[in-house]
Amino acid sequence: MSLPKITCLPSVRLLNSIQHHQLLLPSITPPTVPRRAGKPLLEHMLEQNRVIWEFRGPESLDQWTVSSDREIGGQSEAHLKLGKNMNTCFLYGTLSSTPPRDGETRYSGYCTMRSKQSLVSFDRKKHNDLSSFNTLHLRVRGDGRPWMVNIATETYFSHQKDDIYNYFLYTRGGPYWQDVKIPFSKFFLTNRGRIQDDQHPLWLDKVNTIGFTLGDKADGPFQLEIDFVAVCKDYAHTEEFAYEVYKRNPDI
């Protein structure tokens, strides 16, 4: 079986053919970036994601505080340091559910990492306005323990100073990072660890602090590595609030 003969064009004829086809092609202008709401699309997309806290040096740890049940006489320990690559936060320690021997405390065993309240001049509180976003975005690497994410907002009455919004963070363990996205509509209101009957959505325009609490009653060592804490806008999530809201009867 003979192969078909392939004819080769001389180099001069090949060059003339390419130039002829280039003249026939219409001129192509570079694509322009579409605009939305008066802003370029790229800038609009970047506005849908914001990093609130990240760990890129020893000074970033000064924005956080660590506490445990040792403050009430417990035996748990918690420590905070930078990761091996100096670009992450490493929270580690030992959890102990043994209550203190004071004759009053019945339960113990918690460790907490919480961001410090930002202040401006004259010691006024600086709030984080997250009303343009609807989802909390975390990049973490844990040891399989369940954590609680805590968000504290500004309150108007003194008896509400212990009100905190909470939701669960389930780490899978292992060497791989996991990106966790929690809608703000999933956070429920608690006071001193007790879920409140009168629930209402999280006030995103006056967010003060965010924290992580471990209290799963599993005594032993723990560790949680955090890359960043961010917020984003998920247009696919349209839920306003995930829980039943009670309406008071004015006649009662």
C-alpha atoms as a PDB file:
ATOM      1  CA  MET A   1       0.000   0.000   0.000  1.00  0.00           C
ATOM      2  CA  SER A   2       1.502   3.293  -1.124  1.00  0.00           C
ATOM      3  CA  LEU A   3       1.133   6.428   0.901  1.00  0.00           C
ATOM      4  CA  PRO A   4      -0.354   9.490  -0.776  1.00  0.00           C
ATOM      5  CA  LYS A   5       2.182  11.948  -2.049  1.00  0.00           C
ATOM      6  CA  ILE A   6       2.445  15.120   0.014  1.00  0.00           C
ATOM      7  CA  THR A   7       3.419  18.188  -1.938  1.00  0.00           C
ATOM      8  CA  CYS A   8       5.459  20.864  -0.213  1.00  0.00           C
ATOM      9  CA  LEU A   9       4.950  24.508  -1.076  1.00  0.00           C
ATOM     10  CA  PRO A  10       8.038  26.590  -1.592  1.00  0.00           C
ATOM     11  CA  SER A  11       8.791  28.918   1.279  1.00  0.00           C
ATOM     12  CA  VAL A  12       8.109  32.016  -0.821  1.00  0.00           C
ATOM     13  CA  ARG A  13       4.651  30.782  -1.890  1.00  0.00           C
ATOM     14  CA  LEU A  14       3.826  29.748   1.719  1.00  0.00           C
ATOM     15  CA  LEU A  15       4.753  33.193   3.053  1.00  0.00           C
ATOM     16  CA  ASN A  16       2.692  34.933   0.358  1.00  0.00           C
ATOM     17  CA  SER A  17      -0.298  32.699   1.180  1.00  0.00           C
ATOM     18  CA  ILE A  18      -0.147  33.548   4.899  1.00  0.00           C
ATOM     19  CA  GLN A  19       0.086  37.261   4.204  1.00  0.00           C
ATOM     20  CA  HIS A  20      -2.868  37.032   1.806  1.00  0.00           C
ATOM     21  CA  HIS A  21      -5.087  35.377   4.430  1.00  0.00           C
ATOM     22  CA  GLN A  22      -4.067  37.906   7.071  1.00  0.00           C
ATOM     23  CA  LEU A  23      -5.307  40.693   4.833  1.00  0.00           C
ATOM     24  CA  LEU A  24      -8.667  38.955   4.431  1.00  0.00           C
ATOM     25  CA  LEU A  25      -9.172  38.555   8.204  1.00  0.00           C
ATOM     26  CA  PRO A  26     -11.020  41.402   9.957  1.00  0.00           C
ATOM     27  CA  SER A  27      -9.097  43.402  12.484  1.00  0.00           C
ATOM     28  CA  ILE A  28      -9.590  42.053  16.015  1.00  0.00           C
ATOM     29  CA  THR A  29      -9.726  44.536  18.858  1.00  0.00           C
ATOM     30  CA  PRO A  30      -8.907  43.461  22.422  1.00  0.00           C
ATOM     31  CA  PRO A  31     -12.013  42.626  24.451  1.00  0.00           C
ATOM     32  CA  THR A  32     -13.204  45.245  26.867  1.00  0.00           C
ATOM     33  CA  VAL A  33     -14.097  44.368  30.436  1.00  0.00           C
ATOM     34  CA  PRO A  34     -17.862  44.755  30.913  1.00  0.00           C
ATOM     35  CA  ARG A  35     -19.052  47.142  33.566  1.00  0.00           C
ATOM     36  CA  ARG A  36     -21.683  46.658  36.222  1.00  0.00           C
ATOM     37  CA  ALA A  37     -23.188  49.404  38.322  1.00  0.00           C
ATOM     38  CA  GLY A  38     -20.623  51.839  36.999  1.00  0.00           C
ATOM     39  CA  LYS A  39     -17.635  49.662  37.998  1.00  0.00           C
ATOM     40  CA  PRO A  40     -15.499  47.189  36.021  1.00  0.00           C
ATOM     41  CA  LEU A  41     -16.520  43.555  36.398  1.00  0.00           C
ATOM     42  CA  LEU A  42     -13.190  42.606  37.941  1.00  0.00           C
ATOM     43  CA  GLU A  43     -13.541  45.236  40.644  1.00  0.00           C
ATOM     44  CA  HIS A  44     -17.149  44.181  41.252  1.00  0.00           C
ATOM     45  CA  MET A  45     -16.088  40.545  41.689  1.00  0.00           C
ATOM     46  CA  LEU A  46     -13.348  41.495  44.141  1.00  0.00           C
ATOM     47  CA  GLU A  47     -15.861  43.406  46.230  1.00  0.00           C
ATOM     48  CA  GLN A  48     -17.808  40.182  46.799  1.00  0.00           C
ATOM     49  CA  ASN A  49     -14.948  38.753  48.892  1.00  0.00           C
ATOM     50  CA  ARG A  50     -13.174  40.381  51.793  1.00  0.00           C
ATOM     51  CA  VAL A  51     -10.518  38.983  54.116  1.00  0.00           C
ATOM     52  CA  ILE A  52     -11.233  40.196  57.650  1.00  0.00           C
ATOM     53  CA  TRP A  53      -8.408  38.469  59.515  1.00  0.00           C
ATOM     54  CA  GLU A  54      -5.293  36.757  58.231  1.00  0.00           C
ATOM     55  CA  PHE A  55      -2.029  35.710  59.845  1.00  0.00           C
ATOM     56  CA  ARG A  56       1.078  37.021  58.119  1.00  0.00           C
ATOM     57  CA  GLY A  57       3.478  37.715  60.960  1.00  0.00           C
ATOM     58  CA  PRO A  58       3.832  37.889  64.747  1.00  0.00           C
ATOM     59  CA  GLU A  59       1.955  41.198  64.929  1.00  0.00           C
ATOM     60  CA  SER A  60      -1.206  39.518  63.591  1.00  0.00           C
ATOM     61  CA  LEU A  61      -1.441  37.420  66.740  1.00  0.00           C
ATOM     62  CA  ASP A  62      -1.780  40.586  68.822  1.00  0.00           C
ATOM     63  CA  GLN A  63      -5.306  40.964  67.441  1.00  0.00           C
ATOM     64  CA  TRP A  64      -6.469  37.801  69.233  1.00  0.00           C
ATOM     65  CA  THR A  65      -6.832  36.620  72.810  1.00  0.00           C
ATOM     66  CA  VAL A  66      -6.894  33.061  74.156  1.00  0.00           C
ATOM     67  CA  SER A  67      -8.686  31.871  77.286  1.00  0.00           C
ATOM     68  CA  SER A  68      -9.745  28.608  78.918  1.00  0.00           C
ATOM     69  CA  ASP A  69     -11.475  27.288  82.009  1.00  0.00           C
ATOM     70  CA  ARG A  70      -8.312  27.989  83.980  1.00  0.00           C
ATOM     71  CA  GLU A  71      -9.869  31.374  84.642  1.00  0.00           C
ATOM     72  CA  ILE A  72     -12.491  29.646  86.809  1.00  0.00           C
ATOM     73  CA  GLY A  73     -10.123  27.075  88.290  1.00  0.00           C
ATOM     74  CA  GLY A  74     -10.203  24.427  85.545  1.00  0.00           C
ATOM     75  CA  GLN A  75      -7.312  22.439  84.110  1.00  0.00           C
ATOM     76  CA  SER A  76      -7.572  23.120  80.356  1.00  0.00           C
ATOM     77  CA  GLU A  77      -4.736  24.864  78.530  1.00  0.00           C
ATOM     78  CA  ALA A  78      -4.734  26.804  75.262  1.00  0.00           C
ATOM     79  CA  HIS A  79      -1.850  28.435  73.400  1.00  0.00           C
ATOM     80  CA  LEU A  80      -1.530  30.464  70.216  1.00  0.00           C
ATOM     81  CA  LYS A  81       1.424  30.720  67.844  1.00  0.00           C
ATOM     82  CA  LEU A  82       2.271  31.086  64.169  1.00  0.00           C
ATOM     83  CA  GLY A  83       2.437  28.029  61.910  1.00  0.00           C
ATOM     84  CA  LYS A  84       5.642  26.580  60.510  1.00  0.00           C
ATOM     85  CA  ASN A  85       5.469  28.725  57.379  1.00  0.00           C
ATOM     86  CA  MET A  86       4.718  31.877  59.444  1.00  0.00           C
ATOM     87  CA  ASN A  87       1.546  32.431  57.385  1.00  0.00           C
ATOM     88  CA  THR A  88      -1.023  30.667  59.541  1.00  0.00           C
ATOM     89  CA  CYS A  89      -2.338  30.706  63.089  1.00  0.00           C
ATOM     90  CA  PHE A  90      -1.856  27.567  65.191  1.00  0.00           C
ATOM     91  CA  LEU A  91      -4.148  27.107  68.206  1.00  0.00           C
ATOM     92  CA  TYR A  92      -3.267  24.129  70.370  1.00  0.00           C
ATOM     93  CA  GLY A  93      -3.541  22.878  73.933  1.00  0.00           C
ATOM     94  CA  THR A  94      -5.183  20.282  76.162  1.00  0.00           C
ATOM     95  CA  LEU A  95      -8.856  20.047  77.085  1.00  0.00           C
ATOM     96  CA  SER A  96      -9.888  18.817  80.537  1.00  0.00           C
ATOM     97  CA  SER A  97     -13.498  18.503  81.683  1.00  0.00           C
ATOM     98  CA  THR A  98     -12.561  18.102  85.348  1.00  0.00           C
ATOM     99  CA  PRO A  99     -14.443  20.839  87.250  1.00  0.00           C
ATOM    100  CA  PRO A 100     -12.661  22.980  89.820  1.00  0.00           C
ATOM    101  CA  ARG A 101     -12.968  21.960  93.464  1.00  0.00           C
ATOM    102  CA  ASP A 102     -14.836  25.013  94.633  1.00  0.00           C
ATOM    103  CA  GLY A 103     -18.068  23.298  95.603  1.00  0.00           C
ATOM    104  CA  GLU A 104     -20.079  25.393  93.129  1.00  0.00           C
ATOM    105  CA  THR A 105     -18.922  24.749  89.552  1.00  0.00           C
ATOM    106  CA  ARG A 106     -20.386  21.550  88.130  1.00  0.00           C
ATOM    107  CA  TYR A 107     -19.173  21.672  84.537  1.00  0.00           C
ATOM    108  CA  SER A 108     -15.871  22.652  82.966  1.00  0.00           C
ATOM    109  CA  GLY A 109     -13.738  22.044  79.895  1.00  0.00           C
ATOM    110  CA  TYR A 110     -13.517  24.803  77.274  1.00  0.00           C
ATOM    111  CA  CYS A 111     -10.887  26.714  75.322  1.00  0.00           C
ATOM    112  CA  THR A 112     -11.563  29.869  73.340  1.00  0.00           C
ATOM    113  CA  MET A 113      -9.770  32.011  70.788  1.00  0.00           C
ATOM    114  CA  ARG A 114     -11.391  35.396  70.194  1.00  0.00           C
ATOM    115  CA  SER A 115     -10.529  38.522  68.243  1.00  0.00           C
ATOM    116  CA  LYS A 116      -9.980  41.700  70.218  1.00  0.00           C
ATOM    117  CA  GLN A 117     -12.442  44.556  70.035  1.00  0.00           C
ATOM    118  CA  SER A 118     -11.153  47.205  67.634  1.00  0.00           C
ATOM    119  CA  LEU A 119     -11.124  50.729  69.022  1.00  0.00           C
ATOM    120  CA  VAL A 120     -10.864  54.210  67.537  1.00  0.00           C
ATOM    121  CA  SER A 121     -10.222  57.561  69.204  1.00  0.00           C
ATOM    122  CA  PHE A 122     -11.490  58.093  72.747  1.00  0.00           C
ATOM    123  CA  ASP A 123     -11.823  54.299  73.170  1.00  0.00           C
ATOM    124  CA  ARG A 124     -14.871  54.106  70.951  1.00  0.00           C
ATOM    125  CA  LYS A 125     -15.746  50.726  69.496  1.00  0.00           C
ATOM    126  CA  LYS A 126     -15.040  50.151  65.835  1.00  0.00           C
ATOM    127  CA  HIS A 127     -17.657  47.903  64.256  1.00  0.00           C
ATOM    128  CA  ASN A 128     -17.261  45.727  61.180  1.00  0.00           C
ATOM    129  CA  ASP A 129     -19.993  46.396  58.631  1.00  0.00           C
ATOM    130  CA  LEU A 130     -20.600  43.083  56.861  1.00  0.00           C
ATOM    131  CA  SER A 131     -24.069  43.892  55.550  1.00  0.00           C
ATOM    132  CA  SER A 132     -22.846  43.521  51.935  1.00  0.00           C
ATOM    133  CA  PHE A 133     -22.066  39.824  52.519  1.00  0.00           C
ATOM    134  CA  ASN A 134     -24.087  36.772  53.523  1.00  0.00           C
ATOM    135  CA  THR A 135     -21.508  34.012  54.114  1.00  0.00           C
ATOM    136  CA  LEU A 136     -18.554  33.452  56.413  1.00  0.00           C
ATOM    137  CA  HIS A 137     -15.568  31.866  54.666  1.00  0.00           C
ATOM    138  CA  LEU A 138     -12.919  30.012  56.700  1.00  0.00           C
ATOM    139  CA  ARG A 139      -9.830  28.113  55.604  1.00  0.00           C
ATOM    140  CA  VAL A 140      -8.861  25.793  58.430  1.00  0.00           C
ATOM    141  CA  ARG A 141      -7.082  22.552  59.180  1.00  0.00           C
ATOM    142  CA  GLY A 142      -8.187  20.737  62.325  1.00  0.00           C
ATOM    143  CA  ASP A 143      -7.884  17.405  64.056  1.00  0.00           C
ATOM    144  CA  GLY A 144     -11.445  16.157  63.586  1.00  0.00           C
ATOM    145  CA  ARG A 145     -12.955  17.886  66.620  1.00  0.00           C
ATOM    146  CA  PRO A 146     -16.169  19.940  66.380  1.00  0.00           C
ATOM    147  CA  TRP A 147     -15.754  23.625  67.153  1.00  0.00           C
ATOM    148  CA  MET A 148     -18.178  26.463  67.714  1.00  0.00           C
ATOM    149  CA  VAL A 149     -17.867  29.703  65.743  1.00  0.00           C
ATOM    150  CA  ASN A 150     -18.915  32.732  67.798  1.00  0.00           C
ATOM    151  CA  ILE A 151     -19.871  36.170  66.466  1.00  0.00           C
ATOM    152  CA  ALA A 152     -20.541  39.036  68.875  1.00  0.00           C
ATOM    153  CA  THR A 153     -22.419  42.140  67.754  1.00  0.00           C
ATOM    154  CA  GLU A 154     -23.118  45.482  69.379  1.00  0.00           C
ATOM    155  CA  THR A 155     -25.932  45.470  71.959  1.00  0.00           C
ATOM    156  CA  TYR A 156     -28.143  48.261  73.242  1.00  0.00           C
ATOM    157  CA  PHE A 157     -28.936  47.004  76.752  1.00  0.00           C
ATOM    158  CA  SER A 158     -26.632  45.894  79.555  1.00  0.00           C
ATOM    159  CA  HIS A 159     -28.354  42.534  80.001  1.00  0.00           C
ATOM    160  CA  GLN A 160     -27.473  41.665  76.383  1.00  0.00           C
ATOM    161  CA  LYS A 161     -23.708  41.951  76.847  1.00  0.00           C
ATOM    162  CA  ASP A 162     -23.359  38.147  76.883  1.00  0.00           C
ATOM    163  CA  ASP A 163     -25.435  37.614  73.718  1.00  0.00           C
ATOM    164  CA  ILE A 164     -23.417  35.746  71.073  1.00  0.00           C
ATOM    165  CA  TYR A 165     -24.370  34.164  67.753  1.00  0.00           C
ATOM    166  CA  ASN A 166     -23.063  30.632  67.242  1.00  0.00           C
ATOM    167  CA  TYR A 167     -22.779  27.922  64.645  1.00  0.00           C
ATOM    168  CA  PHE A 168     -20.829  24.685  64.316  1.00  0.00           C
ATOM    169  CA  LEU A 169     -17.490  24.109  62.609  1.00  0.00           C
ATOM    170  CA  TYR A 170     -16.745  20.462  61.877  1.00  0.00           C
ATOM    171  CA  THR A 171     -13.100  19.770  61.107  1.00  0.00           C
ATOM    172  CA  ARG A 172     -12.307  16.568  59.277  1.00  0.00           C
ATOM    173  CA  GLY A 173      -8.698  16.107  60.436  1.00  0.00           C
ATOM    174  CA  GLY A 174      -5.806  14.998  58.290  1.00  0.00           C
ATOM    175  CA  PRO A 175      -3.124  16.959  56.467  1.00  0.00           C
ATOM    176  CA  TYR A 176      -5.388  18.739  53.983  1.00  0.00           C
ATOM    177  CA  TRP A 177      -6.905  22.191  54.276  1.00  0.00           C
ATOM    178  CA  GLN A 178     -10.659  22.629  54.096  1.00  0.00           C
ATOM    179  CA  ASP A 179     -12.611  25.661  52.956  1.00  0.00           C
ATOM    180  CA  VAL A 180     -15.702  26.114  55.102  1.00  0.00           C
ATOM    181  CA  LYS A 181     -18.514  28.466  54.107  1.00  0.00           C
ATOM    182  CA  ILE A 182     -21.195  29.152  56.709  1.00  0.00           C
ATOM    183  CA  PRO A 183     -24.155  31.391  55.770  1.00  0.00           C
ATOM    184  CA  PHE A 184     -24.880  34.058  58.356  1.00  0.00           C
ATOM    185  CA  SER A 185     -28.525  32.960  58.336  1.00  0.00           C
ATOM    186  CA  LYS A 186     -27.463  29.740  60.119  1.00  0.00           C
ATOM    187  CA  PHE A 187     -26.128  31.488  63.230  1.00  0.00           C
ATOM    188  CA  PHE A 188     -28.415  31.237  66.268  1.00  0.00           C
ATOM    189  CA  LEU A 189     -28.530  33.481  69.327  1.00  0.00           C
ATOM    190  CA  THR A 190     -27.244  32.296  72.713  1.00  0.00           C
ATOM    191  CA  ASN A 191     -26.657  33.898  76.109  1.00  0.00           C
ATOM    192  CA  ARG A 192     -23.960  32.392  78.310  1.00  0.00           C
ATOM    193  CA  GLY A 193     -24.129  29.228  76.231  1.00  0.00           C
ATOM    194  CA  ARG A 194     -27.926  28.850  76.413  1.00  0.00           C
ATOM    195  CA  ILE A 195     -29.982  28.981  73.220  1.00  0.00           C
ATOM    196  CA  GLN A 196     -32.556  31.756  73.406  1.00  0.00           C
ATOM    197  CA  ASP A 197     -36.244  31.375  72.555  1.00  0.00           C
ATOM    198  CA  ASP A 198     -36.410  34.848  71.042  1.00  0.00           C
ATOM    199  CA  GLN A 199     -34.290  34.393  67.924  1.00  0.00           C
ATOM    200  CA  HIS A 200     -33.549  37.041  65.321  1.00  0.00           C
ATOM    201  CA  PRO A 201     -31.068  37.333  62.448  1.00  0.00           C
ATOM    202  CA  LEU A 202     -27.486  38.374  62.978  1.00  0.00           C
ATOM    203  CA  TRP A 203     -26.915  42.139  62.882  1.00  0.00           C
ATOM    204  CA  LEU A 204     -24.248  42.313  60.207  1.00  0.00           C
ATOM    205  CA  ASP A 205     -23.762  46.064  60.297  1.00  0.00           C
ATOM    206  CA  LYS A 206     -22.323  46.078  63.845  1.00  0.00           C
ATOM    207  CA  VAL A 207     -20.079  43.018  64.197  1.00  0.00           C
ATOM    208  CA  ASN A 208     -17.556  43.402  67.029  1.00  0.00           C
ATOM    209  CA  THR A 209     -15.644  40.138  67.389  1.00  0.00           C
ATOM    210  CA  ILE A 210     -15.418  36.588  66.105  1.00  0.00           C
ATOM    211  CA  GLY A 211     -14.148  33.565  68.014  1.00  0.00           C
ATOM    212  CA  PHE A 212     -13.699  29.804  68.086  1.00  0.00           C
ATOM    213  CA  THR A 213     -14.623  27.671  71.097  1.00  0.00           C
ATOM    214  CA  LEU A 214     -13.869  24.029  71.832  1.00  0.00           C
ATOM    215  CA  GLY A 215     -15.955  22.219  74.452  1.00  0.00           C
ATOM    216  CA  ASP A 216     -16.773  18.747  73.160  1.00  0.00           C
ATOM    217  CA  LYS A 217     -16.085  17.025  76.534  1.00  0.00           C
ATOM    218  CA  ALA A 218     -13.344  14.906  74.938  1.00  0.00           C
ATOM    219  CA  ASP A 219     -10.347  15.240  77.220  1.00  0.00           C
ATOM    220  CA  GLY A 220      -6.983  15.343  75.504  1.00  0.00           C
ATOM    221  CA  PRO A 221      -4.835  17.430  73.157  1.00  0.00           C
ATOM    222  CA  PHE A 222      -6.332  19.503  70.352  1.00  0.00           C
ATOM    223  CA  GLN A 223      -5.107  21.698  67.521  1.00  0.00           C
ATOM    224  CA  LEU A 224      -6.655  24.038  64.995  1.00  0.00           C
ATOM    225  CA  GLU A 225      -4.747  25.842  62.238  1.00  0.00           C
ATOM    226  CA  ILE A 226      -6.352  28.861  60.573  1.00  0.00           C
ATOM    227  CA  ASP A 227      -5.233  30.453  57.327  1.00  0.00           C
ATOM    228  CA  PHE A 228      -7.738  33.301  57.091  1.00  0.00           C
ATOM    229  CA  VAL A 229     -11.193  34.462  58.134  1.00  0.00           C
ATOM    230  CA  ALA A 230     -13.129  36.094  55.315  1.00  0.00           C
ATOM    231  CA  VAL A 231     -16.643  36.937  54.163  1.00  0.00           C
ATOM    232  CA  CYS A 232     -18.224  36.558  50.740  1.00  0.00           C
ATOM    233  CA  LYS A 233     -21.439  37.159  48.841  1.00  0.00           C
ATOM    234  CA  ASP A 234     -23.162  33.954  47.706  1.00  0.00           C
ATOM    235  CA  TYR A 235     -25.955  34.855  45.296  1.00  0.00           C
ATOM    236  CA  ALA A 236     -27.221  31.270  45.330  1.00  0.00           C
ATOM    237  CA  HIS A 237     -28.059  31.560  49.034  1.00  0.00           C
ATOM    238  CA  THR A 238     -31.349  33.432  49.473  1.00  0.00           C
ATOM    239  CA  GLU A 239     -32.340  32.295  52.961  1.00  0.00           C
ATOM    240  CA  GLU A 240     -32.867  35.195  55.371  1.00  0.00           C
ATOM    241  CA  PHE A 241     -33.020  33.232  58.635  1.00  0.00           C
ATOM    242  CA  ALA A 242     -32.975  29.496  59.239  1.00  0.00           C
ATOM    243  CA  TYR A 243     -34.950  29.424  62.494  1.00  0.00           C
ATOM    244  CA  GLU A 244     -38.453  30.153  63.669  1.00  0.00           C
ATOM    245  CA  VAL A 245     -39.029  33.703  64.837  1.00  0.00           C
ATOM    246  CA  TYR A 246     -41.660  34.301  67.482  1.00  0.00           C
ATOM    247  CA  LYS A 247     -43.996  37.266  67.187  1.00  0.00           C
ATOM    248  CA  ARG A 248     -45.339  38.761  70.379  1.00  0.00           C
ATOM    249  CA  ASN A 249     -49.053  39.329  70.756  1.00  0.00           C
ATOM    250  CA  PRO A 250     -49.596  43.004  71.688  1.00  0.00           C
ATOM    251  CA  ASP A 251     -52.842  42.104  73.486  1.00  0.00           C
ATOM    252  CA  ILE A 252     -51.022  39.980  76.066  1.00  0.00           C
END
